[in-house]
């Protein structure tokens, strides 16, 4: 069984190794910097990034991804998030629960 110290080390590993995010619109991927990375009060690891005004017009984000500092994909999730024109941004958060069972 992992100790709480080991679980915290795993969470910190995620925090320090996630380097950037990408999101997919149509057939193209766009890179986004990590806005924040933290351990929430409930113990989940939260990685947040902003899907901004890079692309004009209405868009639908169909996938979000996280990459490490070596450019290796760490996490991916299919989505269907619509953003209207350039007056909105999308603040996206991955939240990971790390547990011992």
PDB file of N, CA and C in Angstrom:
ATOM      1  N   UNK A   1       0.841  -1.175   0.000  1.00  0.00           N
ATOM      2  CA  UNK A   1       0.000   0.000   0.000  1.00  0.00           C
ATOM      3  C   UNK A   1       0.890   1.243   0.000  1.00  0.00           C
ATOM      4  N   UNK A   2       0.564   2.206  -0.858  1.00  0.00           N
ATOM      5  CA  UNK A   2       1.328   3.447  -0.908  1.00  0.00           C
ATOM      6  C   UNK A   2       1.015   4.306   0.306  1.00  0.00           C
ATOM      7  N   UNK A   3       2.021   4.963   0.801  1.00  0.00           N
ATOM      8  CA  UNK A   3       1.832   5.875   1.922  1.00  0.00           C
ATOM      9  C   UNK A   3       1.318   7.218   1.393  1.00  0.00           C
ATOM     10  N   UNK A   4       0.867   8.074   2.307  1.00  0.00           N
ATOM     11  CA  UNK A   4       0.426   9.413   1.896  1.00  0.00           C
ATOM     12  C   UNK A   4       1.597  10.206   1.320  1.00  0.00           C
ATOM     13  N   UNK A   5       2.807   9.941   1.805  1.00  0.00           N
ATOM     14  CA  UNK A   5       3.995  10.599   1.268  1.00  0.00           C
ATOM     15  C   UNK A   5       4.218  10.202  -0.188  1.00  0.00           C
ATOM     16  N   UNK A   6       4.030   8.922  -0.491  1.00  0.00           N
ATOM     17  CA  UNK A   6       4.197   8.443  -1.869  1.00  0.00           C
ATOM     18  C   UNK A   6       3.123   9.033  -2.779  1.00  0.00           C
ATOM     19  N   UNK A   7       1.892   9.093  -2.302  1.00  0.00           N
ATOM     20  CA  UNK A   7       0.810   9.672  -3.098  1.00  0.00           C
ATOM     21  C   UNK A   7       1.074  11.148  -3.386  1.00  0.00           C
ATOM     22  N   UNK A   8       1.561  11.876  -2.405  1.00  0.00           N
ATOM     23  CA  UNK A   8       1.902  13.283  -2.593  1.00  0.00           C
ATOM     24  C   UNK A   8       3.039  13.422  -3.601  1.00  0.00           C
ATOM     25  N   UNK A   9       4.014  12.530  -3.543  1.00  0.00           N
ATOM     26  CA  UNK A   9       5.123  12.558  -4.506  1.00  0.00           C
ATOM     27  C   UNK A   9       4.620  12.339  -5.932  1.00  0.00           C
ATOM     28  N   UNK A  10       3.677  11.423  -6.108  1.00  0.00           N
ATOM     29  CA  UNK A  10       3.092  11.195  -7.434  1.00  0.00           C
ATOM     30  C   UNK A  10       2.351  12.435  -7.928  1.00  0.00           C
ATOM     31  N   UNK A  11       1.610  13.067  -7.052  1.00  0.00           N
ATOM     32  CA  UNK A  11       0.891  14.292  -7.427  1.00  0.00           C
ATOM     33  C   UNK A  11       1.868  15.392  -7.827  1.00  0.00           C
ATOM     34  N   UNK A  12       2.929  15.540  -7.050  1.00  0.00           N
ATOM     35  CA  UNK A  12       3.935  16.558  -7.363  1.00  0.00           C
ATOM     36  C   UNK A  12       4.658  16.253  -8.669  1.00  0.00           C
ATOM     37  N   UNK A  13       4.824  14.980  -8.983  1.00  0.00           N
ATOM     38  CA  UNK A  13       5.432  14.579 -10.255  1.00  0.00           C
ATOM     39  C   UNK A  13       4.590  15.089 -11.417  1.00  0.00           C
ATOM     40  N   UNK A  14       3.291  14.945 -11.310  1.00  0.00           N
ATOM     41  CA  UNK A  14       2.397  15.452 -12.355  1.00  0.00           C
ATOM     42  C   UNK A  14       2.526  16.971 -12.463  1.00  0.00           C
ATOM     43  N   UNK A  15       2.490  17.649 -11.324  1.00  0.00           N
ATOM     44  CA  UNK A  15       2.564  19.119 -11.321  1.00  0.00           C
ATOM     45  C   UNK A  15       3.824  19.633 -12.001  1.00  0.00           C
ATOM     46  N   UNK A  16       4.948  19.007 -11.732  1.00  0.00           N
ATOM     47  CA  UNK A  16       6.218  19.524 -12.247  1.00  0.00           C
ATOM     48  C   UNK A  16       6.539  19.054 -13.660  1.00  0.00           C
ATOM     49  N   UNK A  17       5.863  18.032 -14.149  1.00  0.00           N
ATOM     50  CA  UNK A  17       6.194  17.489 -15.465  1.00  0.00           C
ATOM     51  C   UNK A  17       5.242  17.881 -16.584  1.00  0.00           C
ATOM     52  N   UNK A  18       4.059  18.367 -16.261  1.00  0.00           N
ATOM     53  CA  UNK A  18       3.159  18.829 -17.324  1.00  0.00           C
ATOM     54  C   UNK A  18       3.675  20.181 -17.805  1.00  0.00           C
ATOM     55  N   UNK A  19       3.919  20.268 -19.117  1.00  0.00           N
ATOM     56  CA  UNK A  19       4.556  21.455 -19.667  1.00  0.00           C
ATOM     57  C   UNK A  19       3.602  22.359 -20.438  1.00  0.00           C
ATOM     58  N   UNK A  20       2.682  21.769 -21.190  1.00  0.00           N
ATOM     59  CA  UNK A  20       1.767  22.573 -22.000  1.00  0.00           C
ATOM     60  C   UNK A  20       0.550  21.741 -22.372  1.00  0.00           C
ATOM     61  N   UNK A  21      -0.459  22.439 -22.887  1.00  0.00           N
ATOM     62  CA  UNK A  21      -1.685  21.776 -23.327  1.00  0.00           C
ATOM     63  C   UNK A  21      -1.840  22.005 -24.828  1.00  0.00           C
ATOM     64  N   UNK A  22      -2.664  21.151 -25.420  1.00  0.00           N
ATOM     65  CA  UNK A  22      -3.090  21.357 -26.800  1.00  0.00           C
ATOM     66  C   UNK A  22      -4.585  21.104 -26.875  1.00  0.00           C
ATOM     67  N   UNK A  23      -5.230  21.766 -27.827  1.00  0.00           N
ATOM     68  CA  UNK A  23      -6.642  21.523 -28.055  1.00  0.00           C
ATOM     69  C   UNK A  23      -6.891  21.439 -29.561  1.00  0.00           C
ATOM     70  N   UNK A  24      -7.919  20.684 -29.918  1.00  0.00           N
ATOM     71  CA  UNK A  24      -8.209  20.430 -31.325  1.00  0.00           C
ATOM     72  C   UNK A  24      -9.480  21.157 -31.746  1.00  0.00           C
ATOM     73  N   UNK A  25      -9.373  21.879 -32.859  1.00  0.00           N
ATOM     74  CA  UNK A  25     -10.510  22.535 -33.491  1.00  0.00           C
ATOM     75  C   UNK A  25     -10.460  22.125 -34.958  1.00  0.00           C
ATOM     76  N   UNK A  26     -11.525  21.486 -35.438  1.00  0.00           N
ATOM     77  CA  UNK A  26     -11.497  20.951 -36.802  1.00  0.00           C
ATOM     78  C   UNK A  26     -10.445  19.859 -36.876  1.00  0.00           C
ATOM     79  N   UNK A  27      -9.519  19.976 -37.815  1.00  0.00           N
ATOM     80  CA  UNK A  27      -8.449  18.980 -37.941  1.00  0.00           C
ATOM     81  C   UNK A  27      -7.104  19.512 -37.439  1.00  0.00           C
ATOM     82  N   UNK A  28      -7.117  20.702 -36.814  1.00  0.00           N
ATOM     83  CA  UNK A  28      -5.878  21.339 -36.359  1.00  0.00           C
ATOM     84  C   UNK A  28      -5.776  21.353 -34.838  1.00  0.00           C
ATOM     85  N   UNK A  29      -4.528  21.235 -34.353  1.00  0.00           N
ATOM     86  CA  UNK A  29      -4.237  21.342 -32.926  1.00  0.00           C
ATOM     87  C   UNK A  29      -3.557  22.675 -32.653  1.00  0.00           C
ATOM     88  N   UNK A  30      -3.875  23.259 -31.503  1.00  0.00           N
ATOM     89  CA  UNK A  30      -3.308  24.535 -31.078  1.00  0.00           C
ATOM     90  C   UNK A  30      -2.721  24.362 -29.684  1.00  0.00           C
ATOM     91  N   UNK A  31      -1.544  24.931 -29.485  1.00  0.00           N
ATOM     92  CA  UNK A  31      -0.870  24.816 -28.190  1.00  0.00           C
ATOM     93  C   UNK A  31      -1.322  25.936 -27.267  1.00  0.00           C
ATOM     94  N   UNK A  32      -1.404  25.608 -25.978  1.00  0.00           N
ATOM     95  CA  UNK A  32      -1.769  26.590 -24.957  1.00  0.00           C
ATOM     96  C   UNK A  32      -0.865  26.400 -23.744  1.00  0.00           C
ATOM     97  N   UNK A  33      -0.371  27.485 -23.162  1.00  0.00           N
ATOM     98  CA  UNK A  33       0.448  27.351 -21.961  1.00  0.00           C
ATOM     99  C   UNK A  33      -0.406  26.941 -20.758  1.00  0.00           C
ATOM    100  N   UNK A  34       0.227  26.288 -19.815  1.00  0.00           N
ATOM    101  CA  UNK A  34      -0.435  25.935 -18.560  1.00  0.00           C
ATOM    102  C   UNK A  34      -0.610  27.222 -17.766  1.00  0.00           C
ATOM    103  N   UNK A  35      -1.806  27.460 -17.312  1.00  0.00           N
ATOM    104  CA  UNK A  35      -2.100  28.670 -16.529  1.00  0.00           C
ATOM    105  C   UNK A  35      -1.846  28.427 -15.046  1.00  0.00           C
ATOM    106  N   UNK A  36      -2.235  27.249 -14.569  1.00  0.00           N
ATOM    107  CA  UNK A  36      -1.964  26.905 -13.176  1.00  0.00           C
ATOM    108  C   UNK A  36      -1.928  25.392 -13.028  1.00  0.00           C
ATOM    109  N   UNK A  37      -1.176  24.962 -12.031  1.00  0.00           N
ATOM    110  CA  UNK A  37      -1.064  23.541 -11.683  1.00  0.00           C
ATOM    111  C   UNK A  37      -0.987  23.480 -10.166  1.00  0.00           C
ATOM    112  N   UNK A  38      -1.937  22.764  -9.551  1.00  0.00           N
ATOM    113  CA  UNK A  38      -1.969  22.748  -8.095  1.00  0.00           C
ATOM    114  C   UNK A  38      -2.655  21.497  -7.574  1.00  0.00           C
ATOM    115  N   UNK A  39      -2.479  21.275  -6.286  1.00  0.00           N
ATOM    116  CA  UNK A  39      -3.208  20.221  -5.592  1.00  0.00           C
ATOM    117  C   UNK A  39      -4.359  20.906  -4.876  1.00  0.00           C
ATOM    118  N   UNK A  40      -5.572  20.504  -5.199  1.00  0.00           N
ATOM    119  CA  UNK A  40      -6.765  21.110  -4.611  1.00  0.00           C
ATOM    120  C   UNK A  40      -6.959  20.647  -3.175  1.00  0.00           C
ATOM    121  N   UNK A  41      -7.814  21.309  -2.456  1.00  0.00           N
ATOM    122  CA  UNK A  41      -8.097  20.972  -1.062  1.00  0.00           C
ATOM    123  C   UNK A  41      -8.586  19.551  -0.872  1.00  0.00           C
ATOM    124  N   UNK A  42      -9.259  18.992  -1.886  1.00  0.00           N
ATOM    125  CA  UNK A  42      -9.753  17.616  -1.778  1.00  0.00           C
ATOM    126  C   UNK A  42      -8.721  16.585  -2.238  1.00  0.00           C
ATOM    127  N   UNK A  43      -7.502  17.045  -2.577  1.00  0.00           N
ATOM    128  CA  UNK A  43      -6.422  16.140  -2.946  1.00  0.00           C
ATOM    129  C   UNK A  43      -6.263  15.899  -4.431  1.00  0.00           C
ATOM    130  N   UNK A  44      -7.200  16.378  -5.251  1.00  0.00           N
ATOM    131  CA  UNK A  44      -7.070  16.195  -6.703  1.00  0.00           C
ATOM    132  C   UNK A  44      -5.970  17.101  -7.249  1.00  0.00           C
ATOM    133  N   UNK A  45      -5.349  16.655  -8.330  1.00  0.00           N
ATOM    134  CA  UNK A  45      -4.354  17.450  -9.038  1.00  0.00           C
ATOM    135  C   UNK A  45      -5.086  18.195 -10.148  1.00  0.00           C
ATOM    136  N   UNK A  46      -4.965  19.518 -10.170  1.00  0.00           N
ATOM    137  CA  UNK A  46      -5.658  20.340 -11.160  1.00  0.00           C
ATOM    138  C   UNK A  46      -4.659  21.027 -12.076  1.00  0.00           C
ATOM    139  N   UNK A  47      -4.867  20.862 -13.384  1.00  0.00           N
ATOM    140  CA  UNK A  47      -4.058  21.525 -14.403  1.00  0.00           C
ATOM    141  C   UNK A  47      -5.022  22.372 -15.234  1.00  0.00           C
ATOM    142  N   UNK A  48      -4.779  23.679 -15.287  1.00  0.00           N
ATOM    143  CA  UNK A  48      -5.700  24.606 -15.949  1.00  0.00           C
ATOM    144  C   UNK A  48      -4.996  25.338 -17.085  1.00  0.00           C
ATOM    145  N   UNK A  49      -5.718  25.509 -18.195  1.00  0.00           N
ATOM    146  CA  UNK A  49      -5.204  26.299 -19.309  1.00  0.00           C
ATOM    147  C   UNK A  49      -6.359  27.041 -19.970  1.00  0.00           C
ATOM    148  N   UNK A  50      -6.008  28.035 -20.787  1.00  0.00           N
ATOM    149  CA  UNK A  50      -7.002  28.880 -21.434  1.00  0.00           C
ATOM    150  C   UNK A  50      -7.006  28.627 -22.939  1.00  0.00           C
ATOM    151  N   UNK A  51      -8.184  28.337 -23.459  1.00  0.00           N
ATOM    152  CA  UNK A  51      -8.382  28.279 -24.902  1.00  0.00           C
ATOM    153  C   UNK A  51      -8.830  29.680 -25.278  1.00  0.00           C
ATOM    154  N   UNK A  52      -7.918  30.442 -25.891  1.00  0.00           N
ATOM    155  CA  UNK A  52      -8.134  31.877 -26.040  1.00  0.00           C
ATOM    156  C   UNK A  52      -8.673  32.270 -27.407  1.00  0.00           C
ATOM    157  N   UNK A  53      -8.353  33.483 -27.817  1.00  0.00           N
ATOM    158  CA  UNK A  53      -8.891  34.071 -29.040  1.00  0.00           C
ATOM    159  C   UNK A  53      -7.999  33.848 -30.254  1.00  0.00           C
ATOM    160  N   UNK A  54      -7.164  32.823 -30.235  1.00  0.00           N
ATOM    161  CA  UNK A  54      -6.260  32.557 -31.347  1.00  0.00           C
ATOM    162  C   UNK A  54      -7.025  32.316 -32.641  1.00  0.00           C
ATOM    163  N   UNK A  55      -8.153  31.633 -32.541  1.00  0.00           N
ATOM    164  CA  UNK A  55      -8.946  31.282 -33.720  1.00  0.00           C
ATOM    165  C   UNK A  55     -10.184  32.177 -33.734  1.00  0.00           C
ATOM    166  N   UNK A  56     -10.440  32.832 -34.854  1.00  0.00           N
ATOM    167  CA  UNK A  56     -11.599  33.721 -34.936  1.00  0.00           C
ATOM    168  C   UNK A  56     -12.869  32.942 -35.249  1.00  0.00           C
ATOM    169  N   UNK A  57     -13.996  33.556 -34.950  1.00  0.00           N
ATOM    170  CA  UNK A  57     -15.291  32.956 -35.250  1.00  0.00           C
ATOM    171  C   UNK A  57     -15.724  31.942 -34.208  1.00  0.00           C
ATOM    172  N   UNK A  58     -16.874  31.330 -34.453  1.00  0.00           N
ATOM    173  CA  UNK A  58     -17.381  30.276 -33.573  1.00  0.00           C
ATOM    174  C   UNK A  58     -16.556  29.019 -33.800  1.00  0.00           C
ATOM    175  N   UNK A  59     -16.187  28.349 -32.723  1.00  0.00           N
ATOM    176  CA  UNK A  59     -15.405  27.113 -32.834  1.00  0.00           C
ATOM    177  C   UNK A  59     -15.990  26.055 -31.909  1.00  0.00           C
ATOM    178  N   UNK A  60     -15.658  24.814 -32.199  1.00  0.00           N
ATOM    179  CA  UNK A  60     -15.964  23.711 -31.296  1.00  0.00           C
ATOM    180  C   UNK A  60     -14.671  22.963 -31.018  1.00  0.00           C
ATOM    181  N   UNK A  61     -14.304  22.900 -29.756  1.00  0.00           N
ATOM    182  CA  UNK A  61     -13.121  22.154 -29.326  1.00  0.00           C
ATOM    183  C   UNK A  61     -13.541  20.696 -29.172  1.00  0.00           C
ATOM    184  N   UNK A  62     -12.842  19.787 -29.866  1.00  0.00           N
ATOM    185  CA  UNK A  62     -13.233  18.378 -29.855  1.00  0.00           C
ATOM    186  C   UNK A  62     -12.279  17.480 -29.084  1.00  0.00           C
ATOM    187  N   UNK A  63     -11.123  18.025 -28.685  1.00  0.00           N
ATOM    188  CA  UNK A  63     -10.169  17.234 -27.896  1.00  0.00           C
ATOM    189  C   UNK A  63      -9.260  18.181 -27.133  1.00  0.00           C
ATOM    190  N   UNK A  64      -8.863  17.773 -25.926  1.00  0.00           N
ATOM    191  CA  UNK A  64      -7.870  18.502 -25.138  1.00  0.00           C
ATOM    192  C   UNK A  64      -6.792  17.516 -24.716  1.00  0.00           C
ATOM    193  N   UNK A  65      -5.558  18.014 -24.607  1.00  0.00           N
ATOM    194  CA  UNK A  65      -4.416  17.152 -24.298  1.00  0.00           C
ATOM    195  C   UNK A  65      -3.441  17.862 -23.365  1.00  0.00           C
ATOM    196  N   UNK A  66      -2.684  17.064 -22.610  1.00  0.00           N
ATOM    197  CA  UNK A  66      -1.572  17.568 -21.805  1.00  0.00           C
ATOM    198  C   UNK A  66      -0.301  16.846 -22.228  1.00  0.00           C
ATOM    199  N   UNK A  67       0.807  17.605 -22.279  1.00  0.00           N
ATOM    200  CA  UNK A  67       2.101  17.060 -22.684  1.00  0.00           C
ATOM    201  C   UNK A  67       3.150  17.340 -21.617  1.00  0.00           C
ATOM    202  N   UNK A  68       4.156  16.477 -21.545  1.00  0.00           N
ATOM    203  CA  UNK A  68       5.253  16.708 -20.611  1.00  0.00           C
ATOM    204  C   UNK A  68       6.343  17.545 -21.282  1.00  0.00           C
ATOM    205  N   UNK A  69       7.434  17.790 -20.576  1.00  0.00           N
ATOM    206  CA  UNK A  69       8.512  18.637 -21.077  1.00  0.00           C
ATOM    207  C   UNK A  69       9.263  18.009 -22.249  1.00  0.00           C
ATOM    208  N   UNK A  70       9.120  16.713 -22.460  1.00  0.00           N
ATOM    209  CA  UNK A  70       9.749  16.028 -23.593  1.00  0.00           C
ATOM    210  C   UNK A  70       8.832  15.968 -24.808  1.00  0.00           C
ATOM    211  N   UNK A  71       7.668  16.602 -24.728  1.00  0.00           N
ATOM    212  CA  UNK A  71       6.731  16.595 -25.839  1.00  0.00           C
ATOM    213  C   UNK A  71       5.955  15.299 -25.972  1.00  0.00           C
ATOM    214  N   UNK A  72       5.872  14.539 -24.869  1.00  0.00           N
ATOM    215  CA  UNK A  72       5.161  13.263 -24.871  1.00  0.00           C
ATOM    216  C   UNK A  72       3.758  13.476 -24.298  1.00  0.00           C
ATOM    217  N   UNK A  73       2.766  12.941 -24.996  1.00  0.00           N
ATOM    218  CA  UNK A  73       1.384  13.048 -24.554  1.00  0.00           C
ATOM    219  C   UNK A  73       1.192  12.337 -23.221  1.00  0.00           C
ATOM    220  N   UNK A  74       0.604  13.039 -22.237  1.00  0.00           N
ATOM    221  CA  UNK A  74       0.338  12.467 -20.917  1.00  0.00           C
ATOM    222  C   UNK A  74      -1.132  12.221 -20.681  1.00  0.00           C
ATOM    223  N   UNK A  75      -1.986  13.048 -21.254  1.00  0.00           N
ATOM    224  CA  UNK A  75      -3.428  12.901 -21.027  1.00  0.00           C
ATOM    225  C   UNK A  75      -4.176  13.447 -22.234  1.00  0.00           C
ATOM    226  N   UNK A  76      -5.315  12.832 -22.516  1.00  0.00           N
ATOM    227  CA  UNK A  76      -6.137  13.257 -23.635  1.00  0.00           C
ATOM    228  C   UNK A  76      -7.598  12.994 -23.297  1.00  0.00           C
ATOM    229  N   UNK A  77      -8.469  13.895 -23.748  1.00  0.00           N
ATOM    230  CA  UNK A  77      -9.888  13.714 -23.490  1.00  0.00           C
ATOM    231  C   UNK A  77     -10.695  14.285 -24.647  1.00  0.00           C
ATOM    232  N   UNK A  78     -11.647  13.496 -25.135  1.00  0.00           N
ATOM    233  CA  UNK A  78     -12.565  13.983 -26.162  1.00  0.00           C
ATOM    234  C   UNK A  78     -13.535  14.962 -25.514  1.00  0.00           C
ATOM    235  N   UNK A  79     -13.858  16.022 -26.242  1.00  0.00           N
ATOM    236  CA  UNK A  79     -14.768  17.051 -25.746  1.00  0.00           C
ATOM    237  C   UNK A  79     -15.669  17.532 -26.868  1.00  0.00           C
ATOM    238  N   UNK A  80     -16.625  18.335 -26.530  1.00  0.00           N
ATOM    239  CA  UNK A  80     -17.451  19.051 -27.498  1.00  0.00           C
ATOM    240  C   UNK A  80     -17.862  20.363 -26.835  1.00  0.00           C
ATOM    241  N   UNK A  81     -16.945  21.328 -26.897  1.00  0.00           N
ATOM    242  CA  UNK A  81     -17.132  22.615 -26.234  1.00  0.00           C
ATOM    243  C   UNK A  81     -17.188  23.700 -27.306  1.00  0.00           C
ATOM    244  N   UNK A  82     -18.261  24.463 -27.311  1.00  0.00           N
ATOM    245  CA  UNK A  82     -18.426  25.526 -28.297  1.00  0.00           C
ATOM    246  C   UNK A  82     -18.049  26.872 -27.692  1.00  0.00           C
ATOM    247  N   UNK A  83     -17.302  27.628 -28.476  1.00  0.00           N
ATOM    248  CA  UNK A  83     -16.958  28.991 -28.099  1.00  0.00           C
ATOM    249  C   UNK A  83     -17.504  29.918 -29.168  1.00  0.00           C
ATOM    250  N   UNK A  84     -18.190  30.937 -28.754  1.00  0.00           N
ATOM    251  CA  UNK A  84     -18.790  31.882 -29.694  1.00  0.00           C
ATOM    252  C   UNK A  84     -17.827  33.019 -30.011  1.00  0.00           C
ATOM    253  N   UNK A  85     -17.612  33.245 -31.297  1.00  0.00           N
ATOM    254  CA  UNK A  85     -16.794  34.336 -31.828  1.00  0.00           C
ATOM    255  C   UNK A  85     -15.537  34.581 -30.989  1.00  0.00           C
ATOM    256  N   UNK A  86     -15.121  35.825 -30.883  1.00  0.00           N
ATOM    257  CA  UNK A  86     -13.883  36.130 -30.161  1.00  0.00           C
ATOM    258  C   UNK A  86     -14.147  36.881 -28.870  1.00  0.00           C
ATOM    259  N   UNK A  87     -15.364  36.857 -28.396  1.00  0.00           N
ATOM    260  CA  UNK A  87     -15.656  37.562 -27.154  1.00  0.00           C
ATOM    261  C   UNK A  87     -15.559  36.647 -25.948  1.00  0.00           C
ATOM    262  N   UNK A  88     -15.339  35.374 -26.173  1.00  0.00           N
ATOM    263  CA  UNK A  88     -15.254  34.407 -25.075  1.00  0.00           C
ATOM    264  C   UNK A  88     -13.954  33.640 -25.153  1.00  0.00           C
ATOM    265  N   UNK A  89     -13.480  33.196 -24.023  1.00  0.00           N
ATOM    266  CA  UNK A  89     -12.403  32.230 -23.945  1.00  0.00           C
ATOM    267  C   UNK A  89     -12.943  31.032 -23.180  1.00  0.00           C
ATOM    268  N   UNK A  90     -12.209  29.944 -23.190  1.00  0.00           N
ATOM    269  CA  UNK A  90     -12.622  28.753 -22.454  1.00  0.00           C
ATOM    270  C   UNK A  90     -11.520  28.423 -21.460  1.00  0.00           C
ATOM    271  N   UNK A  91     -11.850  28.481 -20.187  1.00  0.00           N
ATOM    272  CA  UNK A  91     -10.915  28.076 -19.152  1.00  0.00           C
ATOM    273  C   UNK A  91     -11.161  26.591 -18.915  1.00  0.00           C
ATOM    274  N   UNK A  92     -10.146  25.765 -19.188  1.00  0.00           N
ATOM    275  CA  UNK A  92     -10.316  24.308 -19.107  1.00  0.00           C
ATOM    276  C   UNK A  92      -9.459  23.756 -17.976  1.00  0.00           C
ATOM    277  N   UNK A  93     -10.011  22.803 -17.239  1.00  0.00           N
ATOM    278  CA  UNK A  93      -9.274  22.197 -16.137  1.00  0.00           C
ATOM    279  C   UNK A  93      -9.335  20.670 -16.237  1.00  0.00           C
ATOM    280  N   UNK A  94      -8.149  20.058 -16.249  1.00  0.00           N
ATOM    281  CA  UNK A  94      -8.025  18.627 -16.010  1.00  0.00           C
ATOM    282  C   UNK A  94      -7.946  18.463 -14.493  1.00  0.00           C
ATOM    283  N   UNK A  95      -8.673  17.541 -13.915  1.00  0.00           N
ATOM    284  CA  UNK A  95      -8.587  17.265 -12.478  1.00  0.00           C
ATOM    285  C   UNK A  95      -8.399  15.751 -12.311  1.00  0.00           C
ATOM    286  N   UNK A  96      -7.278  15.373 -11.724  1.00  0.00           N
ATOM    287  CA  UNK A  96      -6.926  13.965 -11.561  1.00  0.00           C
ATOM    288  C   UNK A  96      -7.035  13.556 -10.090  1.00  0.00           C
ATOM    289  N   UNK A  97      -7.641  12.426  -9.852  1.00  0.00           N
ATOM    290  CA  UNK A  97      -7.706  11.849  -8.514  1.00  0.00           C
ATOM    291  C   UNK A  97      -6.675  10.731  -8.438  1.00  0.00           C
ATOM    292  N   UNK A  98      -5.741  10.841  -7.523  1.00  0.00           N
ATOM    293  CA  UNK A  98      -4.701   9.831  -7.327  1.00  0.00           C
ATOM    294  C   UNK A  98      -5.007   9.126  -6.018  1.00  0.00           C
ATOM    295  N   UNK A  99      -5.319   7.826  -6.072  1.00  0.00           N
ATOM    296  CA  UNK A  99      -5.688   7.085  -4.867  1.00  0.00           C
ATOM    297  C   UNK A  99      -4.998   5.728  -4.824  1.00  0.00           C
ATOM    298  N   UNK A 100      -4.940   5.169  -3.679  1.00  0.00           N
ATOM    299  CA  UNK A 100      -4.460   3.805  -3.462  1.00  0.00           C
ATOM    300  C   UNK A 100      -5.695   2.960  -3.179  1.00  0.00           C
ATOM    301  N   UNK A 101      -5.804   1.834  -3.845  1.00  0.00           N
ATOM    302  CA  UNK A 101      -6.958   0.967  -3.576  1.00  0.00           C
ATOM    303  C   UNK A 101      -6.525  -0.465  -3.315  1.00  0.00           C
TER     304      UNK A 101
END
